[in-house]
């Protein structure tokens, strides 16, 4: 089965095509521009590079959050549109889990961090067990005061959240913290596709009309609506 997977949860954009769990092609861009300006162009390019047409794709996989509110909406709306047009299934996966999957340290816990702005990060912690990621700390938005709570063993940290709190983590945990280099802190669409494999195989796909972003934290617009007199 050929899967087209995307991640637009940050200013980076990653698109990949896999075929029976093998990577066919992947394109990764780091641009300070809205994804709406170039995402479909990247999709067209990767299809051309792979010698495929959109109808050759058997299913779509998308990182559905947490992450940039705007990026999530663009990524989801794009793949939902393609799913409607082609009639193919779609699967949404956790962006934090996709980050953790990119870390090859199978014998250590992995904490995935995504910059959430406002002096917070989105965070979740995982362990590898029999080749499967198991959640040890559920996704949440945290600040610097409780970021390192409960971490007592050597742990790998990955993600754009390290750009914000990397120095704090290193100071608080010392040798217990292993920080992934900056070049490897972004989600790869190949890992989004990999997380979707079992869901496609078991036909546990999402309803395209129902799949929504997993924000974790309320948007500014939602917060303002709750304020008296706003």
Protein backbone atom coordinates (compact mmCIF):
# COMPACT_ATOMS: atom_id res chain seq x y z
CA UNK A 1 0.00 0.00 0.00
CA UNK A 2 1.30 3.43 -0.94
CA UNK A 3 0.92 6.11 1.74
CA UNK A 4 1.32 9.86 1.34
CA UNK A 5 2.26 11.40 4.71
CA UNK A 6 2.77 15.00 5.75
CA UNK A 7 3.81 17.05 8.78
CA UNK A 8 3.05 20.78 9.00
CA UNK A 9 3.07 21.17 12.78
CA UNK A 10 5.90 23.75 12.81
CA UNK A 11 7.51 26.18 10.39
CA UNK A 12 9.08 23.10 8.78
CA UNK A 13 7.18 20.99 6.27
CA UNK A 14 7.83 17.32 5.52
CA UNK A 15 6.12 15.15 2.88
CA UNK A 16 6.86 11.48 2.23
CA UNK A 17 5.60 8.57 0.16
CA UNK A 18 6.03 5.00 1.37
CA UNK A 19 5.21 1.74 -0.38
CA UNK A 20 4.64 -1.40 1.72
CA UNK A 21 6.57 0.19 4.62
CA UNK A 22 9.52 1.15 2.42
CA UNK A 23 10.38 4.81 1.89
CA UNK A 24 9.98 5.89 -1.74
CA UNK A 25 10.72 9.61 -1.40
CA UNK A 26 10.75 12.36 1.20
CA UNK A 27 11.00 16.16 0.87
CA UNK A 28 11.76 18.38 3.86
CA UNK A 29 11.60 22.17 3.89
CA UNK A 30 12.35 24.72 6.60
CA UNK A 31 10.67 27.99 5.62
CA UNK A 32 9.27 30.92 7.59
CA UNK A 33 6.21 31.04 5.34
CA UNK A 34 2.66 29.80 5.70
CA UNK A 35 2.30 26.21 4.49
CA UNK A 36 -0.69 27.18 2.36
CA UNK A 37 1.71 28.81 -0.10
CA UNK A 38 3.74 25.72 -0.94
CA UNK A 39 2.27 22.50 0.52
CA UNK A 40 0.37 21.38 -2.60
CA UNK A 41 3.41 22.25 -4.71
CA UNK A 42 5.51 19.92 -2.55
CA UNK A 43 2.88 17.18 -2.86
CA UNK A 44 2.88 17.54 -6.66
CA UNK A 45 6.69 17.49 -6.72
CA UNK A 46 7.05 14.33 -4.63
CA UNK A 47 4.43 12.55 -6.74
CA UNK A 48 6.36 13.50 -9.89
CA UNK A 49 9.69 12.42 -8.40
CA UNK A 50 8.13 9.09 -7.41
CA UNK A 51 6.55 8.59 -10.84
CA UNK A 52 3.08 8.45 -9.32
CA UNK A 53 -0.32 10.05 -9.65
CA UNK A 54 -2.52 10.95 -6.68
CA UNK A 55 -4.79 8.02 -7.56
CA UNK A 56 -1.84 5.66 -6.98
CA UNK A 57 -1.89 6.58 -3.30
CA UNK A 58 -3.76 4.08 -1.14
CA UNK A 59 -4.05 6.22 1.99
CA UNK A 60 -3.04 9.47 3.66
CA UNK A 61 -1.31 10.02 7.01
CA UNK A 62 -1.02 13.37 8.79
CA UNK A 63 0.53 14.64 12.01
CA UNK A 64 -2.52 16.06 13.78
CA UNK A 65 -0.79 17.77 16.69
CA UNK A 66 0.11 19.24 18.94
CA UNK A 67 1.94 22.05 17.19
CA UNK A 68 1.34 25.30 15.34
CA UNK A 69 -2.41 25.96 15.23
CA UNK A 70 -2.21 27.40 11.71
CA UNK A 71 0.10 24.66 10.45
CA UNK A 72 -2.15 21.93 11.83
CA UNK A 73 -5.23 23.37 10.16
CA UNK A 74 -3.48 23.68 6.79
CA UNK A 75 -2.06 20.16 6.88
CA UNK A 76 -5.31 18.55 7.94
CA UNK A 77 -7.49 20.48 5.52
CA UNK A 78 -5.14 19.61 2.64
CA UNK A 79 -5.14 15.87 3.29
CA UNK A 80 -8.84 15.80 4.14
CA UNK A 81 -9.49 17.39 0.76
CA UNK A 82 -7.33 14.81 -1.01
CA UNK A 83 -9.07 12.00 0.90
CA UNK A 84 -12.49 13.29 -0.17
CA UNK A 85 -11.44 13.70 -3.80
CA UNK A 86 -9.79 10.28 -4.10
CA UNK A 87 -12.07 8.35 -1.74
CA UNK A 88 -8.98 6.97 0.06
CA UNK A 89 -8.68 6.51 3.85
CA UNK A 90 -6.85 8.88 6.20
CA UNK A 91 -5.06 8.38 9.52
CA UNK A 92 -4.03 11.06 12.02
CA UNK A 93 -1.06 10.45 14.32
CA UNK A 94 0.54 12.27 17.24
CA UNK A 95 3.27 14.72 16.25
CA UNK A 96 5.05 14.05 19.56
CA UNK A 97 5.03 10.32 18.90
CA UNK A 98 6.39 10.91 15.39
CA UNK A 99 9.24 12.94 16.90
CA UNK A 100 10.05 10.18 19.38
CA UNK A 101 10.00 7.52 16.67
CA UNK A 102 12.85 9.33 14.92
CA UNK A 103 15.19 8.68 17.85
CA UNK A 104 17.05 5.36 17.39
CA UNK A 105 18.01 4.94 21.09
CA UNK A 106 15.93 1.84 21.80
CA UNK A 107 17.32 1.31 25.32
CA UNK A 108 16.47 4.74 26.75
CA UNK A 109 13.30 6.73 27.39
CA UNK A 110 12.59 9.51 24.88
CA UNK A 111 10.97 12.85 25.71
CA UNK A 112 9.57 14.73 22.71
CA UNK A 113 9.23 18.50 23.01
CA UNK A 114 7.56 20.93 20.60
CA UNK A 115 7.78 24.69 21.07
CA UNK A 116 4.33 25.86 22.22
CA UNK A 117 5.26 29.56 22.58
CA UNK A 118 4.31 31.54 25.69
CA UNK A 119 7.21 29.99 27.64
CA UNK A 120 5.77 26.47 27.31
CA UNK A 121 6.42 23.31 25.34
CA UNK A 122 4.18 20.43 24.32
CA UNK A 123 5.70 17.33 25.86
CA UNK A 124 5.28 13.56 26.00
CA UNK A 125 7.63 10.76 27.06
CA UNK A 126 7.94 7.27 25.57
CA UNK A 127 9.85 4.00 25.84
CA UNK A 128 10.55 1.47 23.11
CA UNK A 129 9.10 -1.95 23.99
CA UNK A 130 9.32 -4.81 21.50
CA UNK A 131 9.65 -2.33 18.66
CA UNK A 132 6.60 -0.31 19.73
CA UNK A 133 6.49 3.13 21.35
CA UNK A 134 4.74 3.07 24.72
CA UNK A 135 3.56 6.34 26.28
CA UNK A 136 5.03 7.00 29.73
CA UNK A 137 4.03 10.64 30.11
CA UNK A 138 0.90 11.74 28.31
CA UNK A 139 0.99 14.77 26.00
CA UNK A 140 0.69 18.04 27.90
CA UNK A 141 1.74 21.68 27.80
CA UNK A 142 4.35 22.47 30.46
CA UNK A 143 6.54 25.37 31.53
CA UNK A 144 10.10 25.34 32.88
CA UNK A 145 9.09 24.75 36.51
CA UNK A 146 7.76 21.20 36.04
CA UNK A 147 9.46 20.20 32.81
CA UNK A 148 11.82 17.70 34.43
CA UNK A 149 9.43 16.26 37.02
CA UNK A 150 9.70 12.49 37.42
CA UNK A 151 12.77 12.02 35.21
CA UNK A 152 15.22 9.90 37.22
CA UNK A 153 16.99 7.88 34.53
CA UNK A 154 19.08 8.84 31.51
CA UNK A 155 16.65 10.18 28.90
CA UNK A 156 16.90 11.37 25.30
CA UNK A 157 15.25 14.72 24.50
CA UNK A 158 14.20 15.63 20.96
CA UNK A 159 12.25 18.39 19.24
CA UNK A 160 12.05 22.14 18.73
CA UNK A 161 11.25 22.58 22.42
CA UNK A 162 14.97 22.14 23.06
CA UNK A 163 15.56 25.50 21.37
CA UNK A 164 13.50 27.00 24.21
CA UNK A 165 14.32 24.88 27.27
CA UNK A 166 17.43 22.92 26.30
CA UNK A 167 19.71 24.82 28.68
CA UNK A 168 17.24 24.43 31.55
CA UNK A 169 16.98 20.68 30.97
CA UNK A 170 20.75 20.33 30.88
CA UNK A 171 21.13 22.36 34.07
CA UNK A 172 18.38 20.50 35.94
CA UNK A 173 19.24 16.95 34.86
CA UNK A 174 22.95 17.08 34.07
CA UNK A 175 24.21 13.75 32.72
CA UNK A 176 20.70 12.28 32.79
CA UNK A 177 19.76 14.43 29.79
CA UNK A 178 20.89 13.62 26.26
CA UNK A 179 19.90 16.39 23.87
CA UNK A 180 19.51 15.48 20.20
CA UNK A 181 21.47 17.87 17.88
CA UNK A 182 19.47 20.68 16.24
CA UNK A 183 19.66 19.07 12.78
CA UNK A 184 17.53 16.15 14.03
CA UNK A 185 14.86 18.03 16.01
CA UNK A 186 12.16 18.16 13.34
CA UNK A 187 9.42 15.67 12.49
CA UNK A 188 10.01 13.55 9.40
CA UNK A 189 6.99 12.55 7.35
CA UNK A 190 8.43 9.03 6.99
CA UNK A 191 7.81 8.54 10.72
CA UNK A 192 4.26 9.87 10.38
CA UNK A 193 3.73 7.21 7.71
CA UNK A 194 5.34 4.53 9.88
CA UNK A 195 2.98 5.26 12.76
CA UNK A 196 0.02 4.86 10.43
CA UNK A 197 0.97 1.40 9.06
CA UNK A 198 -0.79 -0.71 11.70
CA UNK A 199 -3.90 1.47 11.56
CA UNK A 200 -4.22 1.00 7.79
CA UNK A 201 -3.56 -2.74 8.08
CA UNK A 202 -6.27 -3.16 10.73
CA UNK A 203 -8.61 -0.75 8.88
CA UNK A 204 -8.78 1.50 11.96
CA UNK A 205 -8.72 4.68 9.92
CA UNK A 206 -10.24 8.06 10.74
CA UNK A 207 -13.38 9.56 9.25
CA UNK A 208 -12.13 12.39 7.05
CA UNK A 209 -15.00 14.68 8.02
CA UNK A 210 -14.39 14.09 11.74
CA UNK A 211 -10.60 14.21 12.12
CA UNK A 212 -9.55 17.37 13.96
CA UNK A 213 -6.30 18.94 15.22
CA UNK A 214 -5.05 17.84 18.64
CA UNK A 215 -4.19 21.25 20.07
CA UNK A 216 -3.81 20.29 23.79
CA UNK A 217 -3.86 24.00 24.69
CA UNK A 218 -6.63 26.47 23.82
CA UNK A 219 -5.93 28.98 21.06
CA UNK A 220 -5.77 32.72 21.81
CA UNK A 221 -9.16 33.15 20.11
CA UNK A 222 -10.75 30.54 22.40
CA UNK A 223 -9.16 32.09 25.49
CA UNK A 224 -10.41 35.55 24.52
CA UNK A 225 -13.94 34.22 24.03
CA UNK A 226 -13.93 33.06 27.66
CA UNK A 227 -12.90 36.47 29.00
CA UNK A 228 -15.71 38.68 30.37
CA UNK A 229 -16.60 41.53 28.05
CA UNK A 230 -14.71 40.08 25.04
